[in-house]
Structures are given as C-alpha cells and as structure tokens.
Amino acid sequence: MDTINVTAAPKTATFQMRINPEVKQQVESIYARQGLTFTDAVNIFIQQSLNVEGLPFLASPENEAYLKAKAMRRLMDEVQRGWDTAEQEGWVSEEDAYRQLGVDE
C-alpha cells in the first residue's frame, strides 16, 4: 500500500471534534511555540499513523511488550539475512572489513 503524503494530498473532506476550550488553548500554545497550528499537529499525527500503520506512540504498557517483540523479530530477521548473504556470497575477513570501511586496525 502506498503511503499518502498528508501535506500534499487534496483537502476535500472535513473532520470535526469536540474539545474542552481550555485544553484547546493549552495545546494550541504548545504547538505555536513550535511554529505549528493545531491543524498542522493533527495532520502530523495522521501522517505518522499512516507511516507506522497504527498509533505513532505507545498507548499502554501492553503495547510496549508488543513493540519490543516486533523489534526483536525485525532484528532477528536482519541477522538471518546477514547470515544468508554471507553463506551465499562468502564471508568477509576482519581485515577486509576494516579495509572496506577505511579504518586502520
């Protein structure tokens, strides 16, 4: 699925929400200090949600365990790809690795 660029996408739909006026004022002040409007911040939230295909932050302790497991799975997949590549294309010696990286031993 292609990720939509929220900033560049045509804005033809509307979204309304109710919020406490004091909360709205406080959050607008926070975003203004960063040069953003409330709408900018909501669009950033939406873009990040699309980028990660979910909430762009931890919402509960249960999510922390899930994200750790997901990160470990990605790490192990990457390690496996490294092993597979080394088996198929040959191993690089420590000396060759230093040379390729331009590092003196």
N, C-alpha and C. Protein backbone atom coordinates (compact mmCIF):
# COMPACT_ATOMS: atom_id res chain seq x y z
N MET A 1 0.84 -1.18 0.00
CA MET A 1 0.00 0.00 0.00
C MET A 1 0.89 1.24 0.00
N ASP A 2 0.63 2.17 -0.89
CA ASP A 2 1.38 3.41 -0.94
C ASP A 2 0.93 4.32 0.19
N THR A 3 1.91 4.93 0.86
CA THR A 3 1.59 5.88 1.93
C THR A 3 1.23 7.22 1.31
N ILE A 4 0.17 7.81 1.79
CA ILE A 4 -0.28 9.11 1.30
C ILE A 4 0.54 10.19 1.98
N ASN A 5 0.93 11.21 1.21
CA ASN A 5 1.57 12.39 1.79
C ASN A 5 0.45 13.33 2.21
N VAL A 6 0.20 13.39 3.49
CA VAL A 6 -0.92 14.17 4.02
C VAL A 6 -0.80 15.64 3.65
N THR A 7 0.41 16.17 3.67
CA THR A 7 0.61 17.58 3.35
C THR A 7 0.23 17.90 1.91
N ALA A 8 0.58 17.01 0.99
CA ALA A 8 0.35 17.28 -0.43
C ALA A 8 -1.04 16.82 -0.91
N ALA A 9 -1.70 15.97 -0.14
CA ALA A 9 -2.99 15.43 -0.57
C ALA A 9 -4.05 16.53 -0.60
N PRO A 10 -4.97 16.46 -1.59
CA PRO A 10 -6.06 17.45 -1.63
C PRO A 10 -6.90 17.37 -0.37
N LYS A 11 -7.30 18.51 0.12
CA LYS A 11 -8.10 18.59 1.36
C LYS A 11 -9.56 18.87 0.97
N THR A 12 -10.34 17.78 0.80
CA THR A 12 -11.72 17.94 0.37
C THR A 12 -12.72 17.42 1.40
N ALA A 13 -12.25 16.75 2.45
CA ALA A 13 -13.15 16.25 3.50
C ALA A 13 -12.93 17.07 4.76
N THR A 14 -13.95 17.11 5.61
CA THR A 14 -13.83 17.83 6.88
C THR A 14 -13.92 16.85 8.03
N PHE A 15 -13.35 17.27 9.15
CA PHE A 15 -13.38 16.48 10.37
C PHE A 15 -13.64 17.43 11.52
N GLN A 16 -14.63 17.13 12.32
CA GLN A 16 -14.95 17.98 13.47
C GLN A 16 -14.82 17.15 14.73
N MET A 17 -14.39 17.81 15.81
CA MET A 17 -14.33 17.13 17.10
C MET A 17 -14.65 18.12 18.20
N ARG A 18 -15.08 17.61 19.31
CA ARG A 18 -15.34 18.46 20.47
C ARG A 18 -14.15 18.35 21.41
N ILE A 19 -13.76 19.49 21.97
CA ILE A 19 -12.63 19.53 22.88
C ILE A 19 -12.88 20.63 23.91
N ASN A 20 -12.41 20.44 25.10
CA ASN A 20 -12.53 21.44 26.14
C ASN A 20 -11.78 22.69 25.70
N PRO A 21 -12.38 23.87 25.80
CA PRO A 21 -11.74 25.10 25.34
C PRO A 21 -10.39 25.38 26.01
N GLU A 22 -10.27 25.07 27.30
CA GLU A 22 -9.01 25.30 28.00
C GLU A 22 -7.92 24.36 27.48
N VAL A 23 -8.29 23.12 27.25
CA VAL A 23 -7.34 22.15 26.70
C VAL A 23 -6.90 22.60 25.30
N LYS A 24 -7.86 23.03 24.50
CA LYS A 24 -7.56 23.50 23.15
C LYS A 24 -6.58 24.67 23.20
N GLN A 25 -6.82 25.62 24.07
CA GLN A 25 -5.94 26.78 24.19
C GLN A 25 -4.54 26.36 24.61
N GLN A 26 -4.44 25.45 25.57
CA GLN A 26 -3.13 24.99 26.02
C GLN A 26 -2.36 24.29 24.91
N VAL A 27 -3.05 23.40 24.20
CA VAL A 27 -2.36 22.64 23.16
C VAL A 27 -1.99 23.56 21.98
N GLU A 28 -2.85 24.52 21.66
CA GLU A 28 -2.51 25.48 20.60
C GLU A 28 -1.26 26.28 20.98
N SER A 29 -1.15 26.62 22.25
CA SER A 29 0.02 27.36 22.73
C SER A 29 1.28 26.50 22.60
N ILE A 30 1.19 25.25 22.95
CA ILE A 30 2.34 24.34 22.83
C ILE A 30 2.78 24.23 21.37
N TYR A 31 1.83 24.01 20.48
CA TYR A 31 2.16 23.86 19.06
C TYR A 31 2.67 25.16 18.47
N ALA A 32 2.11 26.28 18.89
CA ALA A 32 2.53 27.59 18.37
C ALA A 32 4.01 27.84 18.68
N ARG A 33 4.47 27.40 19.86
CA ARG A 33 5.89 27.56 20.21
C ARG A 33 6.79 26.79 19.25
N GLN A 34 6.23 25.81 18.58
CA GLN A 34 6.98 25.02 17.60
C GLN A 34 6.67 25.44 16.17
N GLY A 35 5.92 26.54 16.04
CA GLY A 35 5.59 27.05 14.71
C GLY A 35 4.50 26.28 14.01
N LEU A 36 3.67 25.58 14.78
CA LEU A 36 2.61 24.76 14.20
C LEU A 36 1.24 25.24 14.66
N THR A 37 0.25 25.00 13.82
CA THR A 37 -1.14 25.19 14.24
C THR A 37 -1.66 23.86 14.77
N PHE A 38 -2.81 23.91 15.40
CA PHE A 38 -3.46 22.68 15.87
C PHE A 38 -3.71 21.76 14.67
N THR A 39 -4.16 22.33 13.56
CA THR A 39 -4.40 21.55 12.34
C THR A 39 -3.12 20.90 11.84
N ASP A 40 -2.00 21.65 11.85
CA ASP A 40 -0.71 21.08 11.45
C ASP A 40 -0.39 19.85 12.32
N ALA A 41 -0.57 20.00 13.63
CA ALA A 41 -0.26 18.91 14.55
C ALA A 41 -1.13 17.69 14.29
N VAL A 42 -2.40 17.91 14.03
CA VAL A 42 -3.30 16.79 13.73
C VAL A 42 -2.87 16.11 12.43
N ASN A 43 -2.49 16.89 11.43
CA ASN A 43 -2.02 16.31 10.17
C ASN A 43 -0.72 15.53 10.37
N ILE A 44 0.16 16.00 11.24
CA ILE A 44 1.39 15.25 11.54
C ILE A 44 1.03 13.93 12.21
N PHE A 45 0.10 13.98 13.16
CA PHE A 45 -0.36 12.75 13.82
C PHE A 45 -0.91 11.76 12.79
N ILE A 46 -1.73 12.25 11.87
CA ILE A 46 -2.32 11.39 10.84
C ILE A 46 -1.23 10.81 9.95
N GLN A 47 -0.26 11.66 9.52
CA GLN A 47 0.82 11.18 8.66
C GLN A 47 1.63 10.10 9.36
N GLN A 48 1.98 10.33 10.62
CA GLN A 48 2.75 9.34 11.36
C GLN A 48 1.95 8.05 11.56
N SER A 49 0.65 8.16 11.77
CA SER A 49 -0.20 6.98 11.89
C SER A 49 -0.17 6.17 10.60
N LEU A 50 -0.21 6.86 9.46
CA LEU A 50 -0.12 6.17 8.18
C LEU A 50 1.26 5.54 8.00
N ASN A 51 2.31 6.26 8.40
CA ASN A 51 3.68 5.76 8.23
C ASN A 51 3.90 4.47 9.01
N VAL A 52 3.40 4.41 10.25
CA VAL A 52 3.64 3.24 11.09
C VAL A 52 2.46 2.27 11.08
N GLU A 53 1.40 2.64 10.37
CA GLU A 53 0.19 1.83 10.28
C GLU A 53 -0.38 1.53 11.66
N GLY A 54 -0.48 2.57 12.47
CA GLY A 54 -1.03 2.45 13.81
C GLY A 54 -0.79 3.74 14.57
N LEU A 55 -0.99 3.68 15.87
CA LEU A 55 -0.71 4.86 16.68
C LEU A 55 0.79 5.14 16.65
N PRO A 56 1.17 6.40 16.51
CA PRO A 56 2.60 6.72 16.41
C PRO A 56 3.28 6.87 17.78
N PHE A 57 2.71 6.27 18.81
CA PHE A 57 3.28 6.32 20.15
C PHE A 57 2.71 5.17 20.95
N LEU A 58 3.35 4.87 22.09
CA LEU A 58 2.84 3.83 22.97
C LEU A 58 1.60 4.34 23.69
N ALA A 59 0.54 3.56 23.67
CA ALA A 59 -0.69 3.98 24.32
C ALA A 59 -0.90 3.26 25.65
N SER A 60 -0.20 2.16 25.86
CA SER A 60 -0.37 1.42 27.11
C SER A 60 0.84 0.51 27.32
N PRO A 61 1.02 0.02 28.54
CA PRO A 61 2.13 -0.91 28.80
C PRO A 61 2.06 -2.18 27.95
N GLU A 62 0.86 -2.61 27.60
CA GLU A 62 0.73 -3.80 26.75
C GLU A 62 1.37 -3.57 25.38
N ASN A 63 1.27 -2.35 24.87
CA ASN A 63 1.87 -2.04 23.58
C ASN A 63 3.39 -2.12 23.65
N GLU A 64 3.96 -1.79 24.81
CA GLU A 64 5.41 -1.82 24.96
C GLU A 64 5.94 -3.24 24.71
N ALA A 65 5.29 -4.23 25.28
CA ALA A 65 5.71 -5.62 25.09
C ALA A 65 5.59 -6.01 23.62
N TYR A 66 4.50 -5.61 22.98
CA TYR A 66 4.31 -5.91 21.57
C TYR A 66 5.40 -5.27 20.72
N LEU A 67 5.70 -3.99 20.98
CA LEU A 67 6.72 -3.31 20.19
C LEU A 67 8.11 -3.91 20.42
N LYS A 68 8.40 -4.33 21.64
CA LYS A 68 9.68 -4.99 21.90
C LYS A 68 9.77 -6.29 21.11
N ALA A 69 8.69 -7.07 21.13
CA ALA A 69 8.68 -8.33 20.39
C ALA A 69 8.81 -8.07 18.89
N LYS A 70 8.14 -7.05 18.39
CA LYS A 70 8.22 -6.70 16.97
C LYS A 70 9.65 -6.27 16.61
N ALA A 71 10.27 -5.46 17.47
CA ALA A 71 11.64 -5.02 17.22
C ALA A 71 12.60 -6.20 17.23
N MET A 72 12.40 -7.12 18.17
CA MET A 72 13.26 -8.31 18.23
C MET A 72 13.09 -9.16 16.99
N ARG A 73 11.86 -9.30 16.52
CA ARG A 73 11.61 -10.08 15.30
C ARG A 73 12.32 -9.44 14.10
N ARG A 74 12.25 -8.10 14.00
CA ARG A 74 12.92 -7.41 12.90
C ARG A 74 14.43 -7.58 12.99
N LEU A 75 14.97 -7.49 14.22
CA LEU A 75 16.41 -7.68 14.41
C LEU A 75 16.83 -9.08 14.01
N MET A 76 16.09 -10.08 14.46
CA MET A 76 16.44 -11.46 14.13
C MET A 76 16.31 -11.74 12.63
N ASP A 77 15.32 -11.15 11.98
CA ASP A 77 15.19 -11.28 10.52
C ASP A 77 16.40 -10.68 9.82
N GLU A 78 16.86 -9.52 10.31
CA GLU A 78 18.02 -8.85 9.71
C GLU A 78 19.29 -9.68 9.93
N VAL A 79 19.44 -10.23 11.13
CA VAL A 79 20.59 -11.10 11.41
C VAL A 79 20.56 -12.30 10.48
N GLN A 80 19.40 -12.90 10.30
CA GLN A 80 19.28 -14.06 9.42
C GLN A 80 19.64 -13.70 7.98
N ARG A 81 19.18 -12.52 7.52
CA ARG A 81 19.54 -12.08 6.17
C ARG A 81 21.05 -11.94 6.04
N GLY A 82 21.70 -11.44 7.10
CA GLY A 82 23.16 -11.32 7.09
C GLY A 82 23.83 -12.67 6.97
N TRP A 83 23.37 -13.63 7.77
CA TRP A 83 23.94 -14.98 7.69
C TRP A 83 23.72 -15.56 6.29
N ASP A 84 22.49 -15.44 5.78
CA ASP A 84 22.18 -15.99 4.45
C ASP A 84 23.07 -15.37 3.38
N THR A 85 23.25 -14.05 3.43
CA THR A 85 24.09 -13.36 2.45
C THR A 85 25.53 -13.84 2.56
N ALA A 86 26.02 -13.97 3.79
CA ALA A 86 27.40 -14.44 3.99
C ALA A 86 27.57 -15.85 3.46
N GLU A 87 26.57 -16.70 3.67
CA GLU A 87 26.65 -18.08 3.17
C GLU A 87 26.64 -18.11 1.64
N GLN A 88 25.84 -17.24 1.02
CA GLN A 88 25.72 -17.24 -0.43
C GLN A 88 26.88 -16.54 -1.12
N GLU A 89 27.31 -15.41 -0.55
CA GLU A 89 28.31 -14.58 -1.22
C GLU A 89 29.70 -14.69 -0.60
N GLY A 90 29.81 -15.40 0.47
CA GLY A 90 31.10 -15.58 1.12
C GLY A 90 31.28 -14.61 2.27
N TRP A 91 32.10 -15.03 3.20
CA TRP A 91 32.36 -14.25 4.40
C TRP A 91 33.44 -13.21 4.11
N VAL A 92 33.38 -12.11 4.80
CA VAL A 92 34.40 -11.07 4.69
C VAL A 92 35.29 -11.19 5.92
N SER A 93 36.60 -11.21 5.67
CA SER A 93 37.52 -11.31 6.80
C SER A 93 37.52 -9.99 7.57
N GLU A 94 37.99 -10.05 8.79
CA GLU A 94 38.06 -8.84 9.61
C GLU A 94 38.95 -7.79 8.95
N GLU A 95 40.05 -8.24 8.38
CA GLU A 95 40.96 -7.31 7.70
C GLU A 95 40.28 -6.64 6.51
N ASP A 96 39.54 -7.44 5.71
CA ASP A 96 38.83 -6.88 4.56
C ASP A 96 37.75 -5.88 5.01
N ALA A 97 37.07 -6.19 6.12
CA ALA A 97 36.05 -5.29 6.63
C ALA A 97 36.66 -3.96 7.01
N TYR A 98 37.80 -3.98 7.74
CA TYR A 98 38.49 -2.75 8.09
C TYR A 98 38.90 -1.97 6.84
N ARG A 99 39.44 -2.69 5.85
CA ARG A 99 39.89 -2.05 4.62
C ARG A 99 38.71 -1.40 3.88
N GLN A 100 37.60 -2.13 3.76
CA GLN A 100 36.44 -1.60 3.06
C GLN A 100 35.84 -0.38 3.77
N LEU A 101 35.96 -0.36 5.08
CA LEU A 101 35.43 0.77 5.86
C LEU A 101 36.43 1.91 5.99
N GLY A 102 37.67 1.64 5.51
CA GLY A 102 38.69 2.69 5.58
C GLY A 102 39.17 2.95 7.00
N VAL A 103 39.18 1.88 7.82
CA VAL A 103 39.59 2.01 9.22
C VAL A 103 40.93 1.31 9.40
N ASP A 104 41.85 1.98 10.08
CA ASP A 104 43.13 1.36 10.41
C ASP A 104 42.92 0.39 11.56
N GLU A 105 43.54 -0.75 11.47
CA GLU A 105 43.39 -1.76 12.55
C GLU A 105 44.06 -1.32 13.81
